[in-house]
Amino acid sequence: MHVGVDLGGTNIAAGLTDDEGNLVFKDSVATGGRRPAEEIIKDLASLCARVIKGGGCGENDVKSVGIGSPGQVDGKNGVIYSSNNINFRNTYIKSEMGKYTGLPVFLENDANTAAIAESVCGAAKGCKNSVMITLGTGIGGGVIIDGRILQGAFFGGGDIGHHVIVSGGEECTCGRRGCWEAYASATALIRDTKRAMKAHPESALWELAEDADAVTTKTTFDAADNGDETAVRLISDFLTYVAEGVVNMIYIFQPEIIVLGGGISAQGIKLTGPVESFVKGIREESFLKTKIAAAALGNDAGIIGAAMLHSLQC
């Protein structure tokens, strides 16, 4: 058995899997990403212990812990150099977690772990060239070329959320303006929804979320499904931003498939359909060959991929 951890800017999710990546038990805890790294690591270790216990295993039954973390991650040395949404700077998480758990610990970028899971047993199974895009607190990317994860010379390869699509646009957590993440992440859609609610008090969005602080991405999609004009415009703009970035990924990597993950992927065809239509509007044969699909493993991809890291010797 193996523990996989998906360390997100909002939540930490962990799960117990067997050697084939089948999920046996999972649990989660709020990240509190601006807290000191030491506090987050302690919560992470406690969560792993709960998952092991919840899965009915003793510590001797568990072989490893795998962690998928956002940011610039050096899996070989077990260091998170930086993470925009979590207060990690040159954090030696592998050695710290090893002290708490007494188990071998493996580390990789969180989007890469999701890409690994989808390529092995998910939507990209059988494809040697794929791009996994996670639309969450930020935008992460996992790029697989000829069956291998693209890591880059300094472990930051595939950080696709920070290419600029609107020069001088919305401020991003990385310090730049106009990044794809600032327009096509779940955080961006929630921000824009809150702004629209203030500007349009007549919108049905208020019926689904009486308090603007209660807004989620589902709020906006549900209001659009009900025909609310404000929500329809929000979703249209959001999906256009998602699609613009997807087109850029196709130009750069020419993958067999692009997999859209993160919580928003639960929208299924309501997400992939408009994006695919936009892509097909680019009249080039190579674009028509790239498949667009929602992540098959849903929010569990990061957990499963992290649990698989032991087999990759990351």
Protein backbone atom coordinates (compact mmCIF):
# COMPACT_ATOMS: atom_id res chain seq x y z
CA MET A 1 0.00 0.00 0.00
CA HIS A 2 1.08 3.59 -0.64
CA VAL A 3 -0.06 7.02 0.50
CA GLY A 4 -0.52 9.74 -2.10
CA VAL A 5 -0.85 13.40 -1.14
CA ASP A 6 -2.24 16.17 -3.34
CA LEU A 7 -1.05 19.40 -1.72
CA GLY A 8 -3.22 22.23 -2.99
CA GLY A 9 -3.44 25.93 -2.26
CA THR A 10 -6.85 25.47 -0.63
CA ASN A 11 -6.97 21.83 0.53
CA ILE A 12 -4.61 18.95 1.21
CA ALA A 13 -6.08 15.66 0.00
CA ALA A 14 -4.50 12.30 0.78
CA GLY A 15 -5.36 8.74 -0.06
CA LEU A 16 -4.28 5.15 0.46
CA THR A 17 -3.82 3.12 -2.72
CA ASP A 18 -2.75 -0.37 -3.64
CA ASP A 19 0.18 -1.10 -5.98
CA GLU A 20 -2.04 -0.64 -9.06
CA GLY A 21 -3.19 2.81 -7.98
CA ASN A 22 -6.67 1.77 -6.84
CA LEU A 23 -7.87 4.19 -4.18
CA VAL A 24 -8.80 2.48 -0.91
CA PHE A 25 -9.44 5.41 1.43
CA LYS A 26 -9.05 9.20 1.32
CA ASP A 27 -9.42 12.25 3.54
CA SER A 28 -8.60 15.95 3.39
CA VAL A 29 -7.83 19.03 5.46
CA ALA A 30 -7.71 22.78 4.75
CA THR A 31 -4.24 23.97 3.72
CA GLY A 32 -4.09 27.42 5.27
CA GLY A 33 -1.46 28.16 2.68
CA ARG A 34 -0.14 31.38 4.20
CA ARG A 35 0.79 29.69 7.48
CA PRO A 36 4.42 28.81 8.25
CA ALA A 37 5.64 25.78 6.32
CA GLU A 38 6.28 23.88 9.54
CA GLU A 39 2.61 24.02 10.50
CA ILE A 40 1.45 22.84 7.09
CA ILE A 41 3.89 19.91 7.13
CA LYS A 42 2.65 18.83 10.57
CA ASP A 43 -0.94 18.84 9.30
CA LEU A 44 0.16 16.92 6.23
CA ALA A 45 1.82 14.25 8.35
CA SER A 46 -1.24 13.99 10.61
CA LEU A 47 -3.45 13.57 7.56
CA CYS A 48 -1.25 10.74 6.28
CA ALA A 49 -1.58 8.99 9.65
CA ARG A 50 -5.38 9.33 9.52
CA VAL A 51 -5.50 7.94 6.00
CA ILE A 52 -3.38 4.93 6.97
CA LYS A 53 -5.61 4.26 9.95
CA GLY A 54 -8.81 4.88 7.98
CA GLY A 55 -7.71 2.39 5.35
CA GLY A 56 -7.29 -0.27 8.02
CA CYS A 57 -3.53 -0.48 7.67
CA GLY A 58 -0.70 -0.47 10.14
CA GLU A 59 2.42 1.55 9.35
CA ASN A 60 4.24 -1.66 8.40
CA ASP A 61 1.70 -2.26 5.62
CA VAL A 62 2.51 1.06 3.92
CA LYS A 63 5.61 1.24 1.71
CA SER A 64 5.86 4.92 0.81
CA VAL A 65 4.40 8.40 0.83
CA GLY A 66 4.24 10.38 -2.39
CA ILE A 67 3.58 14.13 -2.42
CA GLY A 68 2.42 16.28 -5.30
CA SER A 69 3.05 19.96 -4.56
CA PRO A 70 2.42 23.13 -6.56
CA GLY A 71 5.38 25.27 -7.53
CA GLN A 72 9.00 24.65 -8.42
CA VAL A 73 9.74 21.18 -7.08
CA ASP A 74 13.02 19.25 -7.03
CA GLY A 75 11.90 15.66 -6.57
CA LYS A 76 15.43 14.26 -6.53
CA ASN A 77 16.51 16.29 -3.51
CA GLY A 78 13.05 16.59 -1.97
CA VAL A 79 12.89 20.38 -2.04
CA ILE A 80 10.06 22.77 -2.83
CA TYR A 81 11.93 25.88 -3.96
CA SER A 82 8.87 28.09 -4.26
CA SER A 83 5.08 27.92 -4.45
CA ASN A 84 2.90 30.93 -5.19
CA ASN A 85 -0.17 29.70 -3.31
CA ILE A 86 1.57 28.08 -0.32
CA ASN A 87 4.17 29.61 1.97
CA PHE A 88 6.96 27.25 0.90
CA ARG A 89 10.41 28.66 0.07
CA ASN A 90 13.37 26.26 -0.11
CA THR A 91 11.40 23.81 2.01
CA TYR A 92 13.00 20.39 2.47
CA ILE A 93 9.68 18.62 2.74
CA LYS A 94 11.00 15.15 1.89
CA SER A 95 13.31 14.96 4.91
CA GLU A 96 10.78 16.62 7.24
CA MET A 97 8.00 14.24 6.24
CA GLY A 98 10.37 11.32 6.59
CA LYS A 99 10.94 12.29 10.23
CA TYR A 100 7.22 12.29 10.95
CA THR A 101 6.21 9.17 9.02
CA GLY A 102 9.32 6.97 9.10
CA LEU A 103 8.57 6.05 5.47
CA PRO A 104 10.32 6.68 2.15
CA VAL A 105 8.97 9.96 0.76
CA PHE A 106 8.79 10.87 -2.93
CA LEU A 107 8.07 14.35 -4.28
CA GLU A 108 6.92 15.82 -7.59
CA ASN A 109 5.04 18.83 -8.90
CA ASP A 110 1.31 18.35 -8.33
CA ALA A 111 0.30 18.84 -11.95
CA ASN A 112 2.93 16.29 -12.96
CA THR A 113 1.49 13.72 -10.56
CA ALA A 114 -1.97 14.24 -12.03
CA ALA A 115 -0.52 13.87 -15.53
CA ILE A 116 1.20 10.63 -14.51
CA ALA A 117 -2.06 9.18 -13.17
CA GLU A 118 -4.10 10.15 -16.23
CA SER A 119 -1.46 8.77 -18.61
CA VAL A 120 -1.20 5.45 -16.78
CA CYS A 121 -4.84 4.71 -15.98
CA GLY A 122 -6.95 7.72 -16.99
CA ALA A 123 -8.05 9.78 -19.99
CA ALA A 124 -4.60 9.78 -21.62
CA LYS A 125 -3.98 6.05 -21.21
CA GLY A 126 -2.13 4.72 -24.25
CA CYS A 127 -0.89 8.17 -25.34
CA LYS A 128 2.84 8.89 -25.36
CA ASN A 129 2.37 12.65 -25.77
CA SER A 130 -0.17 14.42 -23.59
CA VAL A 131 -0.73 17.63 -21.65
CA MET A 132 -2.62 17.64 -18.36
CA ILE A 133 -4.05 21.03 -17.36
CA THR A 134 -5.36 21.47 -13.82
CA LEU A 135 -7.84 24.31 -13.38
CA GLY A 136 -7.86 24.90 -9.64
CA THR A 137 -6.66 27.57 -7.21
CA GLY A 138 -4.16 28.27 -9.97
CA ILE A 139 -3.39 26.56 -13.26
CA GLY A 140 -0.89 23.74 -13.27
CA GLY A 141 0.41 21.70 -16.15
CA GLY A 142 1.91 18.29 -16.59
CA VAL A 143 3.52 17.66 -19.97
CA ILE A 144 4.42 14.14 -21.07
CA ILE A 145 6.63 13.82 -24.14
CA ASP A 146 7.46 10.37 -25.48
CA GLY A 147 6.22 8.87 -22.22
CA ARG A 148 8.37 11.03 -19.93
CA ILE A 149 7.45 14.03 -17.76
CA LEU A 150 8.94 17.32 -18.93
CA GLN A 151 10.73 18.72 -15.87
CA GLY A 152 13.00 21.36 -17.36
CA ALA A 153 16.61 22.15 -16.44
CA PHE A 154 15.57 23.74 -13.14
CA PHE A 155 12.48 21.65 -12.27
CA GLY A 156 10.00 24.28 -13.44
CA GLY A 157 9.09 22.85 -16.85
CA GLY A 158 5.39 22.64 -17.60
CA ASP A 159 4.39 25.55 -15.33
CA ILE A 160 1.98 26.62 -18.04
CA GLY A 161 -0.29 28.78 -15.90
CA HIS A 162 2.17 31.65 -16.07
CA HIS A 163 2.31 32.40 -19.75
CA VAL A 164 0.74 35.80 -20.40
CA ILE A 165 -2.44 35.99 -22.47
CA VAL A 166 -3.42 39.60 -21.63
CA SER A 167 -0.47 41.98 -21.49
CA GLY A 168 -0.75 44.25 -18.46
CA GLY A 169 -3.90 42.45 -17.31
CA GLU A 170 -5.03 41.03 -13.97
CA GLU A 171 -2.34 40.68 -11.33
CA CYS A 172 -1.15 37.11 -10.82
CA THR A 173 0.22 35.49 -7.67
CA CYS A 174 3.58 35.15 -9.43
CA GLY A 175 3.92 38.95 -9.57
CA ARG A 176 3.30 39.36 -13.29
CA ARG A 177 0.14 40.66 -14.92
CA GLY A 178 -2.08 38.92 -17.43
CA CYS A 179 -1.07 35.30 -16.78
CA TRP A 180 -3.38 32.54 -18.03
CA GLU A 181 -3.87 31.55 -14.38
CA ALA A 182 -5.28 35.01 -13.62
CA TYR A 183 -8.07 34.45 -16.17
CA ALA A 184 -8.79 30.73 -16.48
CA SER A 185 -8.34 29.28 -12.99
CA ALA A 186 -11.17 28.50 -10.60
CA THR A 187 -9.96 31.42 -8.50
CA ALA A 188 -10.32 33.75 -11.48
CA LEU A 189 -13.88 32.61 -12.23
CA ILE A 190 -14.89 33.09 -8.59
CA ARG A 191 -13.30 36.57 -8.54
CA ASP A 192 -15.09 37.61 -11.72
CA THR A 193 -18.38 36.19 -10.43
CA LYS A 194 -18.16 38.23 -7.24
CA ARG A 195 -17.46 41.37 -9.26
CA ALA A 196 -20.40 40.68 -11.54
CA MET A 197 -22.74 40.08 -8.61
CA LYS A 198 -21.93 43.51 -7.20
CA ALA A 199 -22.50 45.11 -10.59
CA HIS A 200 -25.74 43.16 -11.25
CA PRO A 201 -27.83 42.84 -8.07
CA GLU A 202 -30.71 41.56 -10.23
CA SER A 203 -28.71 38.48 -11.26
CA ALA A 204 -29.97 35.03 -10.27
CA LEU A 205 -26.46 34.40 -8.97
CA TRP A 206 -27.68 35.94 -5.71
CA GLU A 207 -30.32 33.23 -5.41
CA LEU A 208 -27.66 30.54 -5.53
CA ALA A 209 -25.22 32.36 -3.24
CA GLU A 210 -26.88 34.91 -0.97
CA ASP A 211 -23.45 35.88 0.31
CA ALA A 212 -20.75 36.65 -2.26
CA ASP A 213 -18.23 34.85 -0.05
CA ALA A 214 -20.16 31.62 -0.63
CA VAL A 215 -19.59 31.70 -4.40
CA THR A 216 -17.97 28.66 -6.04
CA THR A 217 -17.38 27.81 -9.68
CA LYS A 218 -20.45 25.58 -9.52
CA THR A 219 -22.52 28.65 -8.58
CA THR A 220 -21.66 30.30 -11.87
CA PHE A 221 -22.13 27.19 -14.01
CA ASP A 222 -25.49 26.43 -12.35
CA ALA A 223 -26.73 30.00 -12.86
CA ALA A 224 -25.69 29.85 -16.50
CA ASP A 225 -27.56 26.55 -16.91
CA ASN A 226 -30.64 28.33 -15.58
CA GLY A 227 -30.28 31.01 -18.24
CA ASP A 228 -29.04 33.90 -16.12
CA GLU A 229 -27.55 36.40 -18.57
CA THR A 230 -24.78 37.58 -16.27
CA ALA A 231 -23.65 34.02 -15.55
CA VAL A 232 -23.86 33.07 -19.23
CA ARG A 233 -21.48 35.92 -20.10
CA LEU A 234 -19.14 34.95 -17.28
CA ILE A 235 -18.95 31.32 -18.39
CA SER A 236 -18.53 32.30 -22.04
CA ASP A 237 -15.61 34.60 -21.20
CA PHE A 238 -14.07 32.04 -18.86
CA LEU A 239 -14.22 29.20 -21.40
CA THR A 240 -12.74 31.47 -24.06
CA TYR A 241 -9.77 32.17 -21.81
CA VAL A 242 -9.38 28.44 -21.11
CA ALA A 243 -9.53 27.69 -24.83
CA GLU A 244 -7.01 30.39 -25.77
CA GLY A 245 -4.47 28.77 -23.46
CA VAL A 246 -5.29 25.30 -24.78
CA VAL A 247 -4.57 26.49 -28.32
CA ASN A 248 -1.20 27.78 -27.14
CA MET A 249 -0.43 24.38 -25.62
CA ILE A 250 -1.25 22.68 -28.91
CA TYR A 251 1.03 25.05 -30.81
CA ILE A 252 3.91 24.40 -28.42
CA PHE A 253 3.62 20.66 -27.68
CA GLN A 254 1.41 19.10 -30.42
CA PRO A 255 0.06 16.43 -28.03
CA GLU A 256 -2.22 13.55 -28.90
CA ILE A 257 -4.58 14.66 -26.12
CA ILE A 258 -5.10 17.55 -23.73
CA VAL A 259 -6.71 16.53 -20.44
CA LEU A 260 -8.57 19.19 -18.45
CA GLY A 261 -8.55 18.48 -14.72
CA GLY A 262 -9.21 20.20 -11.42
CA GLY A 263 -12.58 20.65 -9.75
CA ILE A 264 -14.06 22.36 -12.82
CA SER A 265 -13.52 19.18 -14.85
CA ALA A 266 -16.63 17.82 -13.10
CA GLN A 267 -18.58 19.99 -15.56
CA GLY A 268 -17.64 17.45 -18.24
CA ILE A 269 -18.94 18.28 -21.71
CA LYS A 270 -19.97 21.78 -20.57
CA LEU A 271 -16.24 22.44 -20.21
CA THR A 272 -14.69 20.34 -22.95
CA GLY A 273 -17.35 20.96 -25.62
CA PRO A 274 -16.89 24.75 -25.97
CA VAL A 275 -13.11 24.42 -25.68
CA GLU A 276 -13.01 21.78 -28.41
CA SER A 277 -15.25 23.91 -30.65
CA PHE A 278 -12.91 26.88 -30.17
CA VAL A 279 -9.88 24.74 -30.99
CA LYS A 280 -11.53 23.36 -34.13
CA GLY A 281 -12.16 26.93 -35.21
CA ILE A 282 -8.41 27.14 -35.80
CA ARG A 283 -8.39 25.73 -39.32
CA GLU A 284 -5.29 23.62 -39.14
CA GLU A 285 -5.21 19.86 -39.58
CA SER A 286 -2.85 19.29 -36.65
CA PHE A 287 -5.27 21.05 -34.31
CA LEU A 288 -8.14 18.84 -35.38
CA LYS A 289 -6.17 15.76 -34.38
CA THR A 290 -5.58 16.78 -30.76
CA LYS A 291 -8.31 15.39 -28.56
CA ILE A 292 -9.74 17.46 -25.68
CA ALA A 293 -11.01 15.44 -22.72
CA ALA A 294 -12.00 15.87 -19.09
CA ALA A 295 -9.83 14.09 -16.56
CA ALA A 296 -11.13 10.56 -16.04
CA LEU A 297 -9.84 10.33 -12.48
CA GLY A 298 -11.35 13.64 -11.37
CA ASN A 299 -9.93 15.18 -8.22
CA ASP A 300 -8.33 11.84 -7.31
CA ALA A 301 -5.71 12.09 -10.08
CA GLY A 302 -3.24 14.01 -7.94
CA ILE A 303 -3.54 11.51 -5.10
CA ILE A 304 -3.18 8.47 -7.35
CA GLY A 305 -0.26 9.94 -9.29
CA ALA A 306 1.55 10.88 -6.09
CA ALA A 307 1.10 7.35 -4.76
CA MET A 308 2.66 6.03 -8.00
CA LEU A 309 5.85 8.08 -7.60
CA HIS A 310 7.62 5.22 -5.80
CA SER A 311 7.57 3.19 -9.01
CA LEU A 312 9.14 6.05 -11.00
CA GLN A 313 11.92 6.66 -8.48
CA CYS A 314 11.19 10.40 -8.59
